[in-house]
């Protein structure tokens, strides 16, 4: 009988210390929706000089 009282007092102590769980947050409140920036065609254009520099560095890194 005393063990049951200990559980109740432990439960009361936990509830007094921690209280209740926080309220649930809706998914819509956690997500921010932003429009994507348009693609830059100059960024996607082929640059032979840039490729040469990249491959030169790769060859250097491989010890070629």
N, C-alpha and C. Protein backbone atom coordinates (compact mmCIF):
# COMPACT_ATOMS: atom_id res chain seq x y z
N UNK A 1 0.83 -1.18 0.00
CA UNK A 1 0.00 0.00 0.00
C UNK A 1 0.87 1.25 0.00
N UNK A 2 1.98 1.26 0.75
CA UNK A 2 2.85 2.42 0.79
C UNK A 2 3.55 2.63 -0.54
N UNK A 3 3.87 1.54 -1.24
CA UNK A 3 4.55 1.65 -2.53
C UNK A 3 3.68 2.42 -3.52
N UNK A 4 2.38 2.18 -3.49
CA UNK A 4 1.46 2.90 -4.36
C UNK A 4 1.47 4.39 -4.03
N UNK A 5 1.56 4.74 -2.78
CA UNK A 5 1.62 6.14 -2.34
C UNK A 5 2.92 6.78 -2.82
N UNK A 6 4.02 6.01 -2.80
CA UNK A 6 5.31 6.52 -3.27
C UNK A 6 5.24 6.84 -4.75
N UNK A 7 4.60 5.98 -5.53
CA UNK A 7 4.45 6.25 -6.96
C UNK A 7 3.65 7.52 -7.18
N UNK A 8 2.59 7.70 -6.43
CA UNK A 8 1.76 8.89 -6.58
C UNK A 8 2.54 10.14 -6.19
N UNK A 9 3.33 10.07 -5.12
CA UNK A 9 4.09 11.24 -4.71
C UNK A 9 5.20 11.53 -5.72
N UNK A 10 5.82 10.46 -6.30
CA UNK A 10 6.82 10.65 -7.34
C UNK A 10 6.21 11.28 -8.58
N UNK A 11 5.03 10.82 -8.93
CA UNK A 11 4.34 11.39 -10.08
C UNK A 11 3.98 12.85 -9.83
N UNK A 12 3.54 13.14 -8.62
CA UNK A 12 3.21 14.53 -8.28
C UNK A 12 4.45 15.40 -8.30
N UNK A 13 5.59 14.86 -7.84
CA UNK A 13 6.84 15.63 -7.85
C UNK A 13 7.28 15.90 -9.30
N UNK A 14 7.19 14.89 -10.16
CA UNK A 14 7.56 15.10 -11.57
C UNK A 14 6.65 16.12 -12.24
N UNK A 15 5.37 16.02 -11.97
CA UNK A 15 4.43 16.97 -12.56
C UNK A 15 4.68 18.39 -12.05
N UNK A 16 5.03 18.51 -10.78
CA UNK A 16 5.32 19.84 -10.24
C UNK A 16 6.60 20.40 -10.85
N UNK A 17 7.57 19.53 -11.12
CA UNK A 17 8.85 20.01 -11.64
C UNK A 17 8.79 20.29 -13.14
N UNK A 18 8.21 19.37 -13.89
CA UNK A 18 8.23 19.49 -15.35
C UNK A 18 6.91 19.98 -15.94
N UNK A 19 5.84 19.90 -15.21
CA UNK A 19 4.55 20.35 -15.73
C UNK A 19 4.06 19.46 -16.86
N UNK A 20 3.49 20.08 -17.86
CA UNK A 20 2.94 19.34 -18.99
C UNK A 20 3.84 19.51 -20.21
N UNK A 21 3.61 18.68 -21.21
CA UNK A 21 4.35 18.81 -22.45
C UNK A 21 3.97 20.11 -23.15
N UNK A 22 4.88 20.69 -23.92
CA UNK A 22 4.53 21.91 -24.65
C UNK A 22 3.48 21.62 -25.72
N UNK A 23 2.80 22.65 -26.12
CA UNK A 23 1.78 22.50 -27.15
C UNK A 23 2.43 22.08 -28.46
N UNK A 24 1.72 21.31 -29.25
CA UNK A 24 2.23 20.89 -30.56
C UNK A 24 2.28 22.09 -31.50
N UNK A 25 3.29 22.10 -32.35
CA UNK A 25 3.44 23.16 -33.33
C UNK A 25 2.99 22.60 -34.67
N UNK A 26 2.15 23.33 -35.36
CA UNK A 26 1.66 22.87 -36.66
C UNK A 26 2.79 22.88 -37.68
N UNK A 27 2.72 21.95 -38.62
CA UNK A 27 3.75 21.85 -39.66
C UNK A 27 3.86 23.15 -40.45
N UNK A 28 2.74 23.78 -40.72
CA UNK A 28 2.73 25.02 -41.49
C UNK A 28 3.49 26.14 -40.76
N UNK A 29 3.52 26.09 -39.45
CA UNK A 29 4.25 27.11 -38.68
C UNK A 29 5.75 26.85 -38.65
N UNK A 30 6.18 25.63 -38.99
CA UNK A 30 7.61 25.30 -38.96
C UNK A 30 8.27 25.44 -40.31
N UNK A 31 7.49 25.61 -41.38
CA UNK A 31 8.03 25.61 -42.74
C UNK A 31 7.92 27.00 -43.33
N UNK A 32 8.98 27.44 -43.97
CA UNK A 32 8.97 28.72 -44.67
C UNK A 32 9.08 28.43 -46.16
N UNK A 33 8.18 28.95 -46.93
CA UNK A 33 8.17 28.73 -48.37
C UNK A 33 8.66 30.01 -49.05
N UNK A 34 9.70 29.85 -49.87
CA UNK A 34 10.25 30.98 -50.60
C UNK A 34 10.32 30.62 -52.08
N UNK A 35 10.14 31.61 -52.91
CA UNK A 35 10.26 31.40 -54.35
C UNK A 35 11.72 31.16 -54.69
N UNK A 36 11.95 30.26 -55.63
CA UNK A 36 13.31 29.98 -56.07
C UNK A 36 13.80 31.12 -56.95
N UNK A 37 15.09 31.39 -56.88
CA UNK A 37 15.64 32.43 -57.74
C UNK A 37 15.76 31.88 -59.17
N UNK A 38 15.59 32.74 -60.17
CA UNK A 38 15.67 32.25 -61.55
C UNK A 38 17.09 31.78 -61.88
N UNK A 39 17.20 30.82 -62.80
CA UNK A 39 18.51 30.30 -63.21
C UNK A 39 19.26 31.37 -63.98
N UNK A 40 20.55 31.44 -63.77
CA UNK A 40 21.42 32.37 -64.47
C UNK A 40 22.04 31.65 -65.66
N UNK A 41 21.67 32.00 -66.90
CA UNK A 41 22.22 31.28 -68.06
C UNK A 41 23.73 31.45 -68.18
N UNK A 42 24.27 32.58 -67.76
CA UNK A 42 25.71 32.77 -67.84
C UNK A 42 26.44 31.81 -66.91
N UNK A 43 25.83 31.48 -65.82
CA UNK A 43 26.45 30.55 -64.87
C UNK A 43 26.50 29.14 -65.43
N UNK A 44 25.48 28.78 -66.21
CA UNK A 44 25.40 27.43 -66.77
C UNK A 44 26.11 27.29 -68.10
N UNK A 45 26.59 28.39 -68.65
CA UNK A 45 27.24 28.34 -69.96
C UNK A 45 28.58 27.61 -69.87
N UNK A 46 28.99 26.99 -70.96
CA UNK A 46 30.25 26.25 -71.01
C UNK A 46 31.41 27.23 -71.09
N UNK A 47 32.39 27.06 -70.24
CA UNK A 47 33.56 27.93 -70.21
C UNK A 47 34.80 27.07 -70.42
N UNK A 48 35.37 27.04 -71.63
CA UNK A 48 36.53 26.18 -71.88
C UNK A 48 37.73 26.53 -71.03
N UNK A 49 37.94 27.82 -70.75
CA UNK A 49 39.07 28.21 -69.91
C UNK A 49 38.90 27.69 -68.48
N UNK A 50 37.69 27.76 -67.98
CA UNK A 50 37.43 27.25 -66.64
C UNK A 50 37.64 25.76 -66.55
N UNK A 51 37.24 25.02 -67.59
CA UNK A 51 37.44 23.57 -67.61
C UNK A 51 38.92 23.25 -67.65
N UNK A 52 39.68 24.00 -68.42
CA UNK A 52 41.12 23.77 -68.51
C UNK A 52 41.77 23.98 -67.13
N UNK A 53 41.37 25.01 -66.43
CA UNK A 53 41.93 25.25 -65.09
C UNK A 53 41.55 24.14 -64.12
N UNK A 54 40.34 23.68 -64.22
CA UNK A 54 39.89 22.62 -63.34
C UNK A 54 40.66 21.33 -63.61
N UNK A 55 40.79 20.98 -64.88
CA UNK A 55 41.51 19.74 -65.22
C UNK A 55 42.99 19.86 -64.90
N UNK A 56 43.56 21.04 -65.04
CA UNK A 56 44.96 21.23 -64.68
C UNK A 56 45.15 20.99 -63.20
N UNK A 57 44.26 21.51 -62.39
CA UNK A 57 44.36 21.30 -60.94
C UNK A 57 44.16 19.83 -60.59
N UNK A 58 43.24 19.17 -61.27
CA UNK A 58 43.01 17.76 -61.02
C UNK A 58 44.25 16.95 -61.37
N UNK A 59 44.86 17.26 -62.51
CA UNK A 59 46.08 16.55 -62.90
C UNK A 59 47.19 16.82 -61.89
N UNK A 60 47.29 18.02 -61.41
CA UNK A 60 48.29 18.35 -60.41
C UNK A 60 48.05 17.56 -59.12
N UNK A 61 46.77 17.48 -58.71
CA UNK A 61 46.44 16.75 -57.50
C UNK A 61 46.74 15.26 -57.63
N UNK A 62 46.58 14.71 -58.84
CA UNK A 62 46.85 13.30 -59.04
C UNK A 62 48.34 13.01 -59.26
N UNK A 63 49.11 14.06 -59.37
CA UNK A 63 50.54 13.89 -59.59
C UNK A 63 50.89 13.55 -61.01
N UNK A 64 50.06 13.97 -61.95
CA UNK A 64 50.31 13.66 -63.36
C UNK A 64 51.17 14.73 -64.01
